Structures are given as C-alpha cells and as structure tokens.
N, C-alpha and C. Protein backbone atom coordinates (compact mmCIF):
# COMPACT_ATOMS: atom_id res chain seq x y z
N MET A 1 139.48 112.96 95.26
CA MET A 1 139.81 113.40 96.43
C MET A 1 139.99 112.52 97.86
N ASP A 2 140.41 111.77 97.79
CA ASP A 2 140.33 110.93 99.63
C ASP A 2 139.79 112.48 100.86
N PRO A 3 138.63 112.04 101.69
CA PRO A 3 138.31 112.63 102.26
C PRO A 3 139.43 113.32 103.59
N GLU A 4 140.15 112.65 103.41
CA GLU A 4 141.28 112.97 104.75
C GLU A 4 142.67 113.30 103.96
N VAL A 5 142.92 114.33 102.76
CA VAL A 5 143.68 114.27 101.47
C VAL A 5 144.77 115.28 102.64
N GLU A 6 145.58 114.68 102.04
CA GLU A 6 147.06 116.08 102.57
C GLU A 6 147.26 116.74 101.53
N TRP A 7 147.43 118.15 101.95
CA TRP A 7 147.16 119.25 100.97
C TRP A 7 148.12 120.32 100.77
N HIS A 8 149.75 119.92 100.45
CA HIS A 8 150.83 121.69 100.74
C HIS A 8 150.65 121.65 99.53
N SER A 9 150.92 122.84 99.53
CA SER A 9 150.88 124.32 98.77
C SER A 9 151.94 125.41 99.22
N LEU A 10 152.73 125.81 97.95
CA LEU A 10 153.75 126.65 98.27
C LEU A 10 153.61 128.55 97.70
N VAL A 11 152.55 127.93 96.93
CA VAL A 11 152.01 129.72 96.72
C VAL A 11 151.69 130.47 97.80
N LEU A 12 152.59 131.64 98.46
CA LEU A 12 152.77 132.58 99.15
C LEU A 12 151.32 132.25 100.11
N GLU A 13 150.32 133.61 99.38
CA GLU A 13 149.44 133.86 100.11
C GLU A 13 148.71 132.69 100.23
N VAL A 14 148.77 131.78 100.64
CA VAL A 14 147.91 130.29 101.03
C VAL A 14 148.93 128.73 101.43
N GLU A 15 150.03 129.29 101.47
CA GLU A 15 150.72 129.10 101.88
C GLU A 15 150.90 127.98 102.68
N GLY A 16 151.06 126.64 103.04
CA GLY A 16 151.04 125.19 104.35
C GLY A 16 150.44 124.03 103.54
N VAL A 17 150.01 124.09 105.06
CA VAL A 17 149.01 122.04 104.69
C VAL A 17 148.16 122.69 105.19
N ARG A 18 147.05 122.10 104.32
CA ARG A 18 145.43 121.82 104.27
C ARG A 18 145.10 120.26 104.45
N HIS A 19 143.89 120.11 105.14
CA HIS A 19 143.59 118.69 105.19
C HIS A 19 141.98 118.87 105.17
N GLY A 20 141.83 116.98 103.98
CA GLY A 20 139.79 116.57 103.93
C GLY A 20 140.09 117.89 103.08
N HIS A 21 138.65 117.47 102.43
CA HIS A 21 137.52 118.61 101.98
C HIS A 21 137.57 119.66 101.57
N GLU A 22 137.26 120.29 102.63
CA GLU A 22 136.98 121.96 103.60
C GLU A 22 138.47 122.48 102.65
N GLY A 23 139.13 121.93 103.96
CA GLY A 23 141.16 122.58 103.69
C GLY A 23 141.58 122.70 101.65
N VAL A 24 140.90 121.78 101.32
CA VAL A 24 140.90 121.62 99.81
C VAL A 24 140.74 122.76 99.15
N ARG A 25 139.30 123.11 99.23
CA ARG A 25 138.28 124.28 99.24
C ARG A 25 138.77 125.67 99.61
N GLU A 26 138.98 125.69 100.96
CA GLU A 26 139.73 126.46 101.56
C GLU A 26 141.32 127.33 100.93
N TRP A 27 141.63 125.92 100.42
CA TRP A 27 143.03 126.56 99.45
C TRP A 27 142.21 127.00 97.88
N TRP A 28 141.28 126.18 97.59
CA TRP A 28 141.55 126.83 96.05
C TRP A 28 140.64 128.74 96.20
N ARG A 29 139.89 128.58 97.33
CA ARG A 29 138.99 129.84 97.42
C ARG A 29 140.21 130.92 97.57
N GLY A 30 141.59 130.77 98.21
CA GLY A 30 142.40 131.78 98.81
C GLY A 30 143.46 131.75 97.67
N LEU A 31 143.36 130.71 96.84
CA LEU A 31 144.60 131.16 95.69
C LEU A 31 143.67 131.83 94.29
N ARG A 32 142.00 131.74 94.79
CA ARG A 32 141.45 132.26 93.92
C ARG A 32 141.23 134.17 93.97
N ASN A 33 141.25 134.39 95.08
CA ASN A 33 140.99 135.86 95.75
C ASN A 33 142.99 136.47 95.67
N ALA A 34 143.23 135.97 95.98
CA ALA A 34 145.10 135.75 95.86
C ALA A 34 145.34 136.10 94.16
N PHE A 35 145.14 135.71 93.58
CA PHE A 35 145.38 135.77 92.20
C PHE A 35 144.23 135.27 90.93
N PRO A 36 143.15 136.36 90.92
CA PRO A 36 142.31 135.91 90.17
C PRO A 36 142.58 135.47 88.17
N GLU A 37 143.09 135.82 87.82
CA GLU A 37 143.16 135.60 86.89
C GLU A 37 144.63 134.38 87.00
N TRP A 38 144.83 133.88 87.96
CA TRP A 38 145.86 132.42 87.64
C TRP A 38 145.40 131.58 86.59
N SER A 39 146.08 131.16 85.63
CA SER A 39 146.25 130.47 84.78
C SER A 39 147.34 129.22 84.48
N PRO A 40 147.13 127.86 85.11
CA PRO A 40 147.65 127.16 84.74
C PRO A 40 147.25 126.33 83.66
N SER A 41 148.77 125.44 83.21
CA SER A 41 148.82 124.45 82.06
C SER A 41 149.90 123.65 81.79
N LEU A 42 149.26 122.27 81.92
CA LEU A 42 150.12 121.51 81.97
C LEU A 42 151.25 120.92 81.01
N VAL A 43 152.46 120.79 81.26
CA VAL A 43 153.49 120.69 80.50
C VAL A 43 153.87 118.95 80.16
N ASP A 44 154.20 118.47 81.55
CA ASP A 44 154.29 116.49 81.34
C ASP A 44 153.48 116.22 82.80
N VAL A 45 153.42 115.67 82.16
CA VAL A 45 152.11 114.38 83.35
C VAL A 45 153.26 113.16 83.34
N TRP A 46 153.63 112.63 84.36
CA TRP A 46 154.05 111.02 84.13
C TRP A 46 154.26 110.04 85.50
N SER A 47 153.25 108.40 85.69
CA SER A 47 153.38 107.87 86.46
C SER A 47 154.84 107.46 87.19
N HIS A 48 154.69 107.11 88.62
CA HIS A 48 156.13 106.85 89.27
C HIS A 48 154.90 105.51 90.78
N GLY A 49 154.82 105.19 89.78
CA GLY A 49 154.11 104.01 90.85
C GLY A 49 152.94 104.33 91.44
N ASN A 50 152.60 104.36 92.78
CA ASN A 50 151.30 104.73 92.83
C ASN A 50 151.67 106.26 92.65
N ARG A 51 152.45 107.20 92.52
CA ARG A 51 152.14 108.74 92.50
C ARG A 51 152.41 109.16 91.24
N VAL A 52 152.41 110.39 91.08
CA VAL A 52 151.82 111.07 89.24
C VAL A 52 152.75 111.93 89.98
N VAL A 53 153.28 112.80 89.04
CA VAL A 53 154.56 113.90 89.37
C VAL A 53 154.10 115.26 88.19
N ILE A 54 153.13 115.65 88.10
CA ILE A 54 152.59 117.35 87.30
C ILE A 54 154.04 118.09 87.11
N HIS A 55 154.50 118.43 86.41
CA HIS A 55 155.06 118.97 85.65
C HIS A 55 153.96 120.51 85.24
N ALA A 56 154.07 121.12 86.00
CA ALA A 56 153.33 122.35 85.69
C ALA A 56 153.92 124.17 85.49
N HIS A 57 152.58 124.84 84.30
CA HIS A 57 153.12 125.85 83.85
C HIS A 57 151.90 126.85 84.55
N ALA A 58 152.58 128.24 85.71
CA ALA A 58 151.31 128.60 85.73
C ALA A 58 151.45 130.18 85.41
N ASN A 59 150.30 131.18 85.59
CA ASN A 59 151.04 132.75 85.28
C ASN A 59 149.47 133.71 85.51
N GLY A 60 149.45 134.87 85.97
CA GLY A 60 148.52 135.48 86.36
C GLY A 60 149.09 136.19 87.09
N SER A 61 148.35 137.24 87.57
CA SER A 61 148.73 138.71 88.05
C SER A 61 148.20 138.56 89.56
N GLY A 62 148.50 139.35 90.89
CA GLY A 62 148.12 139.23 92.64
C GLY A 62 147.02 140.43 92.16
N ALA A 63 145.63 139.80 93.10
CA ALA A 63 145.11 140.80 93.19
C ALA A 63 145.76 141.88 94.16
N ALA A 64 146.11 142.27 94.83
CA ALA A 64 146.32 143.47 96.06
C ALA A 64 147.33 143.79 94.67
N SER A 65 148.41 142.85 94.66
CA SER A 65 149.67 143.94 94.38
C SER A 65 150.41 144.39 92.95
N GLY A 66 149.22 143.13 91.90
CA GLY A 66 149.70 143.43 90.54
C GLY A 66 150.62 142.28 90.16
N PHE A 67 151.07 141.99 91.01
CA PHE A 67 152.35 141.30 90.86
C PHE A 67 152.50 139.99 90.52
N GLY A 68 153.14 139.88 89.24
CA GLY A 68 153.21 139.13 88.18
C GLY A 68 153.63 137.71 87.77
N ILE A 69 153.16 136.99 88.11
CA ILE A 69 153.51 135.48 88.33
C ILE A 69 153.59 134.40 87.00
N ASP A 70 154.72 133.91 86.90
CA ASP A 70 154.78 133.50 85.19
C ASP A 70 156.42 131.95 85.75
N ASN A 71 156.04 131.18 86.08
CA ASN A 71 156.41 129.71 86.60
C ASN A 71 156.43 128.85 86.35
N ASP A 72 157.35 127.75 85.83
CA ASP A 72 157.00 126.16 85.87
C ASP A 72 157.53 125.75 87.26
N PHE A 73 156.15 124.55 87.93
CA PHE A 73 156.25 124.36 89.13
C PHE A 73 155.87 123.07 89.32
N TRP A 74 156.11 121.91 89.75
CA TRP A 74 156.46 120.50 89.96
C TRP A 74 155.49 120.00 91.42
N GLN A 75 153.54 119.10 91.26
CA GLN A 75 153.46 118.95 91.42
C GLN A 75 153.29 117.46 92.39
N VAL A 76 153.47 116.46 93.39
CA VAL A 76 153.62 114.91 93.38
C VAL A 76 152.08 115.08 93.90
N VAL A 77 151.14 113.68 93.41
CA VAL A 77 150.40 113.26 93.53
C VAL A 77 150.19 112.21 94.41
N ASP A 78 149.80 111.36 94.93
CA ASP A 78 149.61 110.60 95.74
C ASP A 78 148.44 110.13 95.69
N ILE A 79 148.52 108.79 95.21
CA ILE A 79 146.62 108.11 95.18
C ILE A 79 147.17 107.01 95.71
N ARG A 80 145.67 106.60 95.90
CA ARG A 80 145.44 105.12 96.72
C ARG A 80 143.85 104.95 95.92
N ASP A 81 143.56 103.74 96.10
CA ASP A 81 142.10 103.44 95.76
C ASP A 81 141.68 104.32 94.88
N GLU A 82 141.87 104.68 94.48
CA GLU A 82 142.09 106.06 92.93
C GLU A 82 141.49 107.08 93.32
N LEU A 83 141.68 108.10 94.80
CA LEU A 83 141.39 108.65 95.43
C LEU A 83 142.89 109.33 95.85
N VAL A 84 142.86 111.23 95.55
CA VAL A 84 144.39 111.44 95.79
C VAL A 84 143.99 111.85 97.22
N VAL A 85 145.14 111.25 98.39
CA VAL A 85 145.65 110.91 99.49
C VAL A 85 146.36 112.43 100.05
N ARG A 86 147.03 112.75 99.35
CA ARG A 86 147.94 113.26 99.41
C ARG A 86 148.58 114.97 97.84
N TYR A 87 149.07 115.54 97.89
CA TYR A 87 149.43 116.61 97.05
C TYR A 87 150.69 117.47 97.84
N GLN A 88 150.97 117.20 96.70
CA GLN A 88 152.75 117.84 97.25
C GLN A 88 153.32 118.79 95.96
N ALA A 89 153.12 120.67 96.08
CA ALA A 89 154.09 121.51 95.04
C ALA A 89 155.37 121.57 95.71
N LEU A 90 156.08 121.71 94.34
CA LEU A 90 157.53 121.81 94.79
C LEU A 90 158.13 122.40 93.44
N ARG A 91 159.24 123.36 94.15
CA ARG A 91 159.97 124.23 93.22
C ARG A 91 160.58 124.14 92.11
N THR A 92 160.97 122.34 92.23
CA THR A 92 161.95 121.97 91.13
C THR A 92 161.97 121.32 90.47
N GLU A 93 161.67 120.52 89.35
CA GLU A 93 161.65 118.76 88.76
C GLU A 93 163.12 118.18 90.06
N ARG A 94 164.07 118.46 90.27
CA ARG A 94 164.82 117.59 91.48
C ARG A 94 163.75 117.53 92.54
N GLU A 95 163.40 118.70 93.46
CA GLU A 95 162.93 118.02 94.21
C GLU A 95 161.54 117.22 94.15
N ALA A 96 160.53 117.29 93.68
CA ALA A 96 159.83 116.75 92.62
C ALA A 96 160.21 115.10 92.05
N LEU A 97 161.37 114.72 91.95
CA LEU A 97 161.69 113.08 91.71
C LEU A 97 163.00 112.83 93.02
N GLU A 98 163.49 113.94 93.92
CA GLU A 98 163.38 113.41 95.50
C GLU A 98 162.54 113.33 96.16
N ALA A 99 161.31 113.79 95.98
CA ALA A 99 159.94 113.09 96.88
C ALA A 99 159.41 112.12 96.07
N VAL A 100 159.80 111.87 95.29
CA VAL A 100 159.24 110.44 95.06
C VAL A 100 159.65 109.15 95.12
N GLY A 101 160.92 109.25 95.59
CA GLY A 101 162.14 108.35 95.41
C GLY A 101 162.38 107.41 94.61
N PRO A 102 162.74 106.21 94.33
CA PRO A 102 163.18 105.59 93.88
C PRO A 102 161.64 104.57 93.55
N GLY A 103 161.59 104.41 92.38
CA GLY A 103 159.96 103.30 91.03
C GLY A 103 159.59 102.40 92.36
N GLU A 104 158.23 102.56 91.77
CA GLU A 104 157.95 101.61 92.57
C GLU A 104 157.79 100.02 91.45
C-alpha cells in the first residue's frame, strides 16, 4: 500500500473513504468488528493496464444483528510503482468496468 492510499468501501458499517495506512487499518478493524466471521474468496482477477479488477464473493454474519451476507462484489485497484494507490469496492461488474474505462 502506498502511504497515501485512497480506500473506498461499500460495506455499510464501515462505508466511506479512508486515507493512508492508518485509514486502511481502521477500515479492517471496523469490518472485523461488524462482521467477525466475514469470509471473502476470489472468483476472478484480471489486469486492465495499471489497474486490477477483482471479482470476489463473501459471506458471514453481522456481529450485532446476526444478519447474514452472501454476495458477490467487485473491486478496482490502481497500482503505481508496485503499490496500491487507490482501492474502490463496487456492487456490480458493470460498475467495475465503467470505473476502469477503456484499456490502456
């Protein structure tokens, strides 16, 4: 991770933008507190220029509500000088493809 990484989350309990290493740590702490049994898995990963598109699946249940999640989601990761400079979670493949734009 770049020290100034920009991290965009869609997880409702920890939704929003975080910045830097401490912001990402804060996001992970919030996610693990909200969903202690959260279990993600990779479905597919592909390169799109200096970006990586990730199709993932996650399941688990909320710590307070017990509400279960079982869904697919997409991520777009921008890489510069071998470091993640921007992470964005998206709800659909279409949104992910729109976020990366035309190939480089």
